Amino acid sequence: MTQQPTPDHQLVWQNCLNFIKDNVSDNTYQMWFAPIKSVSLQGNCLTVALPSQACFEWLEKSAQKIIRTAIRKELGEKARLKYQIP
């Protein structure tokens, strides 16, 4: 039995961004999502770097559902997202 290769963290996050971009306004995408960078993928946990604490607070308040949907679409039901905040 061959093991599936682990997906590249940048590709996983880009796929999430593509899904998010299709479901939010261009302004929202450019302001809040475009600056987020993928850092690593360990198992089903993707880590991304946020540009600021304000970004984290906005995501937690306004974008949890779409982010959860996007990450689960890519990594399955047990997918998790961790944030790195400067």
Protein backbone atom coordinates (compact mmCIF):
# COMPACT_ATOMS: atom_id res chain seq x y z
CA MET A 1 0.00 0.00 0.00
CA THR A 2 1.48 3.34 -1.04
CA GLN A 3 1.20 6.33 1.23
CA GLN A 4 -0.28 9.53 -0.15
CA PRO A 5 2.26 12.36 -0.31
CA THR A 6 1.68 15.12 2.21
CA PRO A 7 0.21 18.14 0.47
CA ASP A 8 2.38 21.24 0.35
CA HIS A 9 1.28 23.81 2.94
CA GLN A 10 1.43 26.64 0.39
CA LEU A 11 -0.78 24.76 -2.06
CA VAL A 12 -3.29 23.91 0.68
CA TRP A 13 -3.49 27.55 1.77
CA GLN A 14 -3.72 28.79 -1.83
CA ASN A 15 -6.66 26.45 -2.41
CA CYS A 16 -8.29 27.81 0.76
CA LEU A 17 -7.72 31.37 -0.46
CA ASN A 18 -9.23 30.54 -3.84
CA PHE A 19 -12.36 29.24 -2.12
CA ILE A 20 -12.53 32.27 0.19
CA LYS A 21 -11.99 34.69 -2.71
CA ASP A 22 -15.01 33.19 -4.48
CA ASN A 23 -17.17 33.79 -1.39
CA VAL A 24 -16.24 37.27 -0.11
CA SER A 25 -16.02 40.72 -1.68
CA ASP A 26 -12.80 41.76 -3.41
CA ASN A 27 -12.21 44.46 -0.79
CA THR A 28 -12.62 42.00 2.08
CA TYR A 29 -10.31 39.51 0.40
CA GLN A 30 -7.59 42.08 -0.33
CA MET A 31 -7.74 43.65 3.12
CA TRP A 32 -7.99 40.59 5.36
CA PHE A 33 -7.03 37.42 3.49
CA ALA A 34 -4.43 38.30 0.84
CA PRO A 35 -1.74 39.28 3.43
CA ILE A 36 -1.97 35.92 5.25
CA LYS A 37 0.95 33.59 4.50
CA SER A 38 1.19 29.84 4.94
CA VAL A 39 3.90 28.67 7.35
CA SER A 40 3.63 24.89 7.74
CA LEU A 41 1.41 21.84 7.58
CA GLN A 42 1.72 19.07 10.16
CA GLY A 43 -0.82 16.32 9.72
CA ASN A 44 -4.19 18.05 9.51
CA CYS A 45 -3.00 21.30 11.16
CA LEU A 46 -2.13 24.22 8.90
CA THR A 47 -0.24 27.15 10.42
CA VAL A 48 -0.55 30.59 8.86
CA ALA A 49 1.13 33.91 9.68
CA LEU A 50 -1.12 36.92 10.17
CA PRO A 51 0.07 40.47 9.59
CA SER A 52 -1.35 41.86 12.84
CA GLN A 53 -3.36 41.33 15.99
CA ALA A 54 -6.17 43.35 14.37
CA CYS A 55 -6.30 40.81 11.55
CA PHE A 56 -6.60 37.97 14.07
CA GLU A 57 -9.41 39.75 15.91
CA TRP A 58 -11.31 40.41 12.67
CA LEU A 59 -10.92 36.80 11.49
CA GLU A 60 -12.12 35.44 14.83
CA LYS A 61 -15.13 37.76 14.84
CA SER A 62 -16.14 37.83 11.18
CA ALA A 63 -14.61 34.99 9.19
CA GLN A 64 -14.52 31.83 11.32
CA LYS A 65 -17.18 30.01 9.32
CA ILE A 66 -15.67 30.57 5.87
CA ILE A 67 -12.16 29.74 7.08
CA ARG A 68 -13.38 26.55 8.75
CA THR A 69 -15.24 25.56 5.58
CA ALA A 70 -12.20 26.23 3.38
CA ILE A 71 -9.73 24.33 5.57
CA ARG A 72 -12.04 21.33 5.98
CA LYS A 73 -12.57 21.26 2.22
CA GLU A 74 -8.81 20.89 1.81
CA LEU A 75 -7.81 18.73 4.79
CA GLY A 76 -10.95 16.94 5.94
CA GLU A 77 -13.26 17.18 8.95
CA LYS A 78 -10.48 17.11 11.55
CA ALA A 79 -8.61 20.00 9.95
CA ARG A 80 -7.22 22.66 12.26
CA LEU A 81 -5.80 26.11 11.62
CA LYS A 82 -3.20 27.74 13.86
CA TYR A 83 -2.25 31.40 13.71
CA GLN A 84 1.13 33.03 14.17
CA ILE A 85 0.70 36.65 15.19
CA PRO A 86 3.59 39.13 15.38
